[in-house]
């Protein structure tokens, strides 16, 4: 695998049975790259006093396993929108190659609705995007989600959801004819798409970031009006299990996470029960990415060229 700035102990790479699940050396290499990314992320956040927390499966892993869930292969972090904006403003000057801080504004076409910190010398391509060969950075990554408020008024919330979905849909459709353009295998579809791309891209599709910005403004519009918050950017729908109160994050504790330390809300029990129910019961599941092709030896550019 590639050389890492934050090297794990040699014993870390040993294959092991963890909670009845066999963890291979290859998975350990993926974890090591992600932990290296996290260590660099942690360095920058500490430098600028940016507060963040473990999220979802990473929080569960920190509490239940003191590290990764044995069958997990990603790392999720979260922070309030003001902290997220602060990080986005200083990230380009702080994260140097091979680290790359990816948002829609630093890497057009990624359209993740959240930030990712990537290692440019590795590969972490979503299975559903492999054949499309998108040009944006697709190194192994960790996710950084902004936390936004949820308005208590059901009517306003419904209008917000519709408006956000409309802006995001327009943005994606326009991006698919510009920065996310790829050619289908079918000859007829390829010809039609080339013509449409030629006719529309020059005149309108490069404005997709305007609609993406409107999407971000819409999902964060009530951040000063409500104490209810939503932990993950609404990729699909607002789900009640992701709702919290701001006071849930007033206090934090640091837990071991493999050979590093991870901040989680002090009342993590309430957070995890809301997310998973009886989180002490082992239930194997996937991640929200739907499968990722990893390579810890080669850069993503080798696969999309």
Protein backbone atom coordinates (compact mmCIF):
# COMPACT_ATOMS: atom_id res chain seq x y z
CA UNK A 1 0.00 0.00 0.00
CA UNK A 2 1.00 3.67 -0.24
CA UNK A 3 3.18 5.38 2.33
CA UNK A 4 1.13 7.12 5.02
CA UNK A 5 1.97 10.28 6.93
CA UNK A 6 0.34 8.97 10.12
CA UNK A 7 1.62 5.42 10.26
CA UNK A 8 -0.34 2.84 12.28
CA UNK A 9 1.41 0.36 14.58
CA UNK A 10 2.60 -2.71 12.64
CA UNK A 11 0.35 -4.95 14.70
CA UNK A 12 -2.65 -3.06 13.36
CA UNK A 13 -2.42 -4.85 9.99
CA UNK A 14 -2.71 -8.33 11.51
CA UNK A 15 -5.79 -10.24 10.36
CA UNK A 16 -8.19 -10.96 13.20
CA UNK A 17 -11.55 -12.28 14.22
CA UNK A 18 -13.46 -9.30 15.57
CA UNK A 19 -16.84 -10.06 17.13
CA UNK A 20 -17.29 -13.15 14.99
CA UNK A 21 -16.31 -11.38 11.76
CA UNK A 22 -12.98 -12.05 10.03
CA UNK A 23 -11.15 -8.80 9.23
CA UNK A 24 -8.62 -9.24 6.43
CA UNK A 25 -5.31 -7.45 6.04
CA UNK A 26 -6.72 -5.73 2.96
CA UNK A 27 -9.57 -4.22 4.95
CA UNK A 28 -7.02 -3.11 7.52
CA UNK A 29 -5.16 -1.26 4.75
CA UNK A 30 -8.34 0.59 3.78
CA UNK A 31 -8.93 1.44 7.43
CA UNK A 32 -5.34 2.66 7.75
CA UNK A 33 -5.77 5.10 4.84
CA UNK A 34 -9.02 6.39 6.36
CA UNK A 35 -7.42 6.76 9.79
CA UNK A 36 -4.57 8.68 8.18
CA UNK A 37 -7.15 10.99 6.60
CA UNK A 38 -8.87 11.36 9.96
CA UNK A 39 -5.58 12.20 11.73
CA UNK A 40 -4.95 14.97 9.20
CA UNK A 41 -8.54 16.19 9.54
CA UNK A 42 -8.14 16.18 13.33
CA UNK A 43 -4.93 18.20 13.07
CA UNK A 44 -6.62 20.95 11.06
CA UNK A 45 -9.73 21.05 13.26
CA UNK A 46 -7.63 21.36 16.42
CA UNK A 47 -5.54 24.11 14.84
CA UNK A 48 -8.64 26.21 14.12
CA UNK A 49 -10.77 25.12 17.11
CA UNK A 50 -13.38 23.49 14.88
CA UNK A 51 -15.75 21.16 16.75
CA UNK A 52 -16.87 17.89 15.17
CA UNK A 53 -18.37 14.56 16.23
CA UNK A 54 -18.46 10.98 15.05
CA UNK A 55 -21.59 10.16 13.10
CA UNK A 56 -23.68 7.06 12.40
CA UNK A 57 -21.67 3.85 12.14
CA UNK A 58 -18.47 5.61 13.20
CA UNK A 59 -20.12 6.71 16.45
CA UNK A 60 -21.44 3.18 16.95
CA UNK A 61 -17.98 1.78 16.27
CA UNK A 62 -16.36 4.15 18.75
CA UNK A 63 -18.82 3.21 21.51
CA UNK A 64 -19.23 -0.51 20.87
CA UNK A 65 -15.91 -1.57 19.32
CA UNK A 66 -13.49 1.24 20.19
CA UNK A 67 -12.80 1.37 16.47
CA UNK A 68 -14.38 0.36 13.18
CA UNK A 69 -17.43 -1.86 13.08
CA UNK A 70 -15.82 -5.10 11.81
CA UNK A 71 -17.76 -5.14 8.52
CA UNK A 72 -17.61 -1.38 7.90
CA UNK A 73 -15.35 0.33 5.40
CA UNK A 74 -16.02 4.03 5.79
CA UNK A 75 -15.77 6.84 8.33
CA UNK A 76 -18.45 9.49 8.94
CA UNK A 77 -18.03 12.78 10.82
CA UNK A 78 -20.42 15.67 11.41
CA UNK A 79 -20.35 19.31 12.53
CA UNK A 80 -22.73 22.23 12.82
CA UNK A 81 -23.12 24.31 9.67
CA UNK A 82 -21.13 27.28 11.01
CA UNK A 83 -18.20 24.99 11.83
CA UNK A 84 -18.59 23.27 8.46
CA UNK A 85 -18.44 26.62 6.63
CA UNK A 86 -15.37 27.58 8.65
CA UNK A 87 -13.66 24.32 7.69
CA UNK A 88 -14.54 24.79 4.02
CA UNK A 89 -13.01 28.27 4.08
CA UNK A 90 -9.62 27.20 5.45
CA UNK A 91 -9.37 23.68 3.99
CA UNK A 92 -7.86 24.51 0.57
CA UNK A 93 -4.78 26.09 2.17
CA UNK A 94 -4.41 23.49 4.93
CA UNK A 95 -4.81 20.14 3.17
CA UNK A 96 -1.87 19.51 0.88
CA UNK A 97 -1.25 16.67 -1.59
CA UNK A 98 -2.02 13.81 -1.34
CA UNK A 99 -4.85 15.07 0.91
CA UNK A 100 -7.67 16.72 -0.98
CA UNK A 101 -10.67 18.44 0.60
CA UNK A 102 -13.55 17.92 -1.78
CA UNK A 103 -16.73 19.95 -2.05
CA UNK A 104 -18.71 20.95 -5.11
CA UNK A 105 -16.72 24.18 -5.18
CA UNK A 106 -13.23 22.68 -4.93
CA UNK A 107 -13.99 19.81 -7.32
CA UNK A 108 -16.96 20.48 -9.66
CA UNK A 109 -19.09 17.46 -10.46
CA UNK A 110 -18.72 15.51 -7.24
CA UNK A 111 -22.22 16.60 -6.07
CA UNK A 112 -22.08 14.79 -2.73
CA UNK A 113 -24.05 17.42 -0.74
CA UNK A 114 -21.36 17.20 1.92
CA UNK A 115 -17.56 17.35 2.10
CA UNK A 116 -15.08 14.52 1.72
CA UNK A 117 -11.41 14.41 2.57
CA UNK A 118 -9.61 12.14 0.09
CA UNK A 119 -6.20 10.60 -0.49
CA UNK A 120 -5.36 11.31 -4.12
CA UNK A 121 -2.86 8.44 -4.38
CA UNK A 122 -5.53 5.80 -3.72
CA UNK A 123 -8.84 4.68 -5.22
CA UNK A 124 -12.29 4.74 -3.64
CA UNK A 125 -14.80 4.76 -6.53
CA UNK A 126 -18.49 4.12 -5.89
CA UNK A 127 -19.50 0.94 -7.72
CA UNK A 128 -22.39 2.76 -9.39
CA UNK A 129 -19.96 5.34 -10.84
CA UNK A 130 -17.12 3.12 -12.06
CA UNK A 131 -18.18 2.96 -15.72
CA UNK A 132 -18.92 6.69 -15.88
CA UNK A 133 -15.28 7.63 -15.30
CA UNK A 134 -16.03 11.00 -13.72
CA UNK A 135 -13.02 13.32 -13.63
CA UNK A 136 -13.36 14.52 -10.04
CA UNK A 137 -11.11 13.16 -7.30
CA UNK A 138 -12.07 9.59 -6.35
CA UNK A 139 -9.41 8.62 -3.85
CA UNK A 140 -10.27 6.81 -0.61
CA UNK A 141 -12.28 9.19 1.54
CA UNK A 142 -13.88 10.09 4.84
CA UNK A 143 -17.25 11.90 4.92
CA UNK A 144 -17.89 15.21 6.69
CA UNK A 145 -21.59 16.11 7.07
CA UNK A 146 -23.03 19.51 8.02
CA UNK A 147 -25.73 19.61 10.71
CA UNK A 148 -28.73 21.80 9.89
CA UNK A 149 -31.88 22.83 11.73
CA UNK A 150 -35.33 21.36 11.17
CA UNK A 151 -38.21 23.83 11.45
CA UNK A 152 -41.02 22.74 13.78
CA UNK A 153 -43.74 23.99 11.42
CA UNK A 154 -44.79 20.95 9.26
CA UNK A 155 -45.99 23.15 6.40
CA UNK A 156 -42.76 25.13 6.25
CA UNK A 157 -40.74 21.91 6.51
CA UNK A 158 -42.64 20.36 3.60
CA UNK A 159 -42.08 23.48 1.48
CA UNK A 160 -38.39 23.43 2.39
CA UNK A 161 -38.05 19.79 1.35
CA UNK A 162 -39.74 20.42 -2.00
CA UNK A 163 -37.65 23.50 -2.69
CA UNK A 164 -34.37 21.78 -1.76
CA UNK A 165 -35.21 18.74 -3.87
CA UNK A 166 -36.09 20.95 -6.87
CA UNK A 167 -32.83 22.90 -6.72
CA UNK A 168 -30.75 19.74 -6.27
CA UNK A 169 -32.51 17.97 -9.15
CA UNK A 170 -31.94 20.89 -11.52
CA UNK A 171 -28.32 21.10 -10.46
CA UNK A 172 -27.70 17.41 -11.08
CA UNK A 173 -29.41 17.39 -14.47
CA UNK A 174 -27.38 20.36 -15.64
CA UNK A 175 -24.16 18.90 -14.24
CA UNK A 176 -24.78 15.62 -16.09
CA UNK A 177 -24.45 17.55 -19.36
CA UNK A 178 -21.32 19.43 -18.30
CA UNK A 179 -18.93 18.48 -15.50
CA UNK A 180 -20.44 14.99 -15.02
CA UNK A 181 -20.72 14.27 -18.74
CA UNK A 182 -20.01 10.69 -19.80
CA UNK A 183 -20.78 8.77 -22.98
CA UNK A 184 -23.11 5.74 -22.91
CA UNK A 185 -22.07 2.49 -24.58
CA UNK A 186 -25.11 2.44 -26.87
CA UNK A 187 -24.19 4.19 -30.14
CA UNK A 188 -27.53 5.90 -30.70
CA UNK A 189 -27.67 7.18 -27.12
CA UNK A 190 -24.07 8.34 -27.42
CA UNK A 191 -24.82 10.36 -30.57
CA UNK A 192 -27.94 11.93 -29.07
CA UNK A 193 -26.13 12.82 -25.88
CA UNK A 194 -23.24 14.39 -27.80
CA UNK A 195 -25.63 16.62 -29.72
CA UNK A 196 -27.53 17.66 -26.58
CA UNK A 197 -24.24 18.23 -24.75
CA UNK A 198 -22.94 20.43 -27.57
CA UNK A 199 -26.13 22.48 -27.83
CA UNK A 200 -26.80 23.00 -24.13
CA UNK A 201 -23.46 22.93 -22.37
CA UNK A 202 -22.21 26.18 -23.88
CA UNK A 203 -25.30 28.17 -22.97
CA UNK A 204 -26.73 26.91 -19.69
CA UNK A 205 -25.23 23.82 -18.06
CA UNK A 206 -22.25 25.55 -16.55
CA UNK A 207 -24.67 27.46 -14.32
CA UNK A 208 -25.52 24.31 -12.36
CA UNK A 209 -23.52 25.58 -9.36
CA UNK A 210 -25.99 28.43 -8.99
CA UNK A 211 -28.75 25.89 -8.30
CA UNK A 212 -26.49 23.82 -6.08
CA UNK A 213 -25.80 26.94 -4.01
CA UNK A 214 -29.55 27.58 -3.79
CA UNK A 215 -29.98 24.01 -2.55
CA UNK A 216 -27.47 24.59 0.25
CA UNK A 217 -29.10 27.88 1.20
CA UNK A 218 -32.50 26.16 1.35
CA UNK A 219 -31.50 23.29 3.63
CA UNK A 220 -29.80 25.69 6.05
CA UNK A 221 -32.40 28.49 5.97
CA UNK A 222 -33.83 27.74 9.45
CA UNK A 223 -30.57 27.30 11.32
CA UNK A 224 -31.32 30.30 13.58
CA UNK A 225 -35.00 29.51 14.06
CA UNK A 226 -35.11 26.04 15.58
CA UNK A 227 -33.47 23.95 18.29
CA UNK A 228 -34.30 20.76 16.41
CA UNK A 229 -31.49 19.65 14.14
CA UNK A 230 -30.97 17.17 11.36
CA UNK A 231 -27.70 15.24 11.55
CA UNK A 232 -27.21 14.23 7.92
CA UNK A 233 -27.78 16.36 4.84
CA UNK A 234 -31.09 15.12 3.37
CA UNK A 235 -29.77 12.96 0.57
CA UNK A 236 -33.23 11.47 0.00
CA UNK A 237 -35.76 12.30 2.71
CA UNK A 238 -35.86 13.70 6.22
CA UNK A 239 -36.08 10.65 8.51
CA UNK A 240 -37.14 11.09 12.17
CA UNK A 241 -34.37 8.81 13.44
CA UNK A 242 -31.82 11.45 12.39
CA UNK A 243 -33.53 14.25 14.37
CA UNK A 244 -31.86 15.59 17.52
CA UNK A 245 -31.85 18.62 19.79
CA UNK A 246 -28.92 21.03 19.89
CA UNK A 247 -28.52 20.33 23.60
CA UNK A 248 -27.68 16.71 22.70
CA UNK A 249 -24.30 18.03 21.58
CA UNK A 250 -23.51 20.42 24.42
CA UNK A 251 -21.03 17.99 26.00
CA UNK A 252 -18.62 15.60 24.34
CA UNK A 253 -16.38 12.74 25.41
CA UNK A 254 -13.38 11.30 23.63
CA UNK A 255 -13.30 7.54 23.05
CA UNK A 256 -10.59 5.29 21.68
CA UNK A 257 -10.97 4.61 17.98
CA UNK A 258 -8.38 2.04 16.88
CA UNK A 259 -5.11 3.82 17.74
CA UNK A 260 -6.61 7.34 17.70
CA UNK A 261 -9.27 9.22 19.68
CA UNK A 262 -12.77 10.14 18.52
CA UNK A 263 -15.20 12.79 19.92
CA UNK A 264 -18.80 11.67 20.46
CA UNK A 265 -21.76 13.36 22.23
CA UNK A 266 -21.70 12.60 25.95
CA UNK A 267 -25.25 11.23 25.79
CA UNK A 268 -24.32 8.90 22.94
CA UNK A 269 -26.67 6.27 24.34
CA UNK A 270 -29.71 8.38 23.40
CA UNK A 271 -28.22 9.13 19.97
CA UNK A 272 -27.47 5.50 19.19
CA UNK A 273 -30.79 4.16 20.46
CA UNK A 274 -32.62 6.66 18.28
CA UNK A 275 -30.58 5.54 15.28
CA UNK A 276 -30.33 1.78 15.80
CA UNK A 277 -32.63 0.74 18.64
CA UNK A 278 -30.76 -1.86 20.69
CA UNK A 279 -27.34 -0.98 19.32
CA UNK A 280 -25.63 -3.63 21.47
CA UNK A 281 -27.17 -6.27 19.20
CA UNK A 282 -24.90 -7.05 16.25
CA UNK A 283 -26.74 -6.44 12.98
CA UNK A 284 -24.64 -6.52 9.87
CA UNK A 285 -25.52 -3.83 7.37
CA UNK A 286 -24.09 -1.92 4.45
CA UNK A 287 -23.21 1.75 4.16
CA UNK A 288 -25.06 4.55 2.43
CA UNK A 289 -22.63 4.51 -0.50
CA UNK A 290 -23.95 1.17 -1.77
CA UNK A 291 -20.52 -0.39 -2.34
CA UNK A 292 -17.09 1.04 -3.12
CA UNK A 293 -14.18 -0.22 -5.24
CA UNK A 294 -11.00 0.29 -3.21
CA UNK A 295 -7.33 0.18 -4.14
CA UNK A 296 -4.72 1.23 -1.58
CA UNK A 297 -1.86 0.84 -4.09
CA UNK A 298 -2.99 2.79 -7.18
CA UNK A 299 -4.49 6.26 -7.67
CA UNK A 300 -8.04 6.64 -8.97
CA UNK A 301 -6.65 8.35 -12.08
CA UNK A 302 -5.34 4.98 -13.28
CA UNK A 303 -8.90 3.68 -13.41
CA UNK A 304 -10.68 6.65 -15.00
CA UNK A 305 -8.07 7.41 -17.67
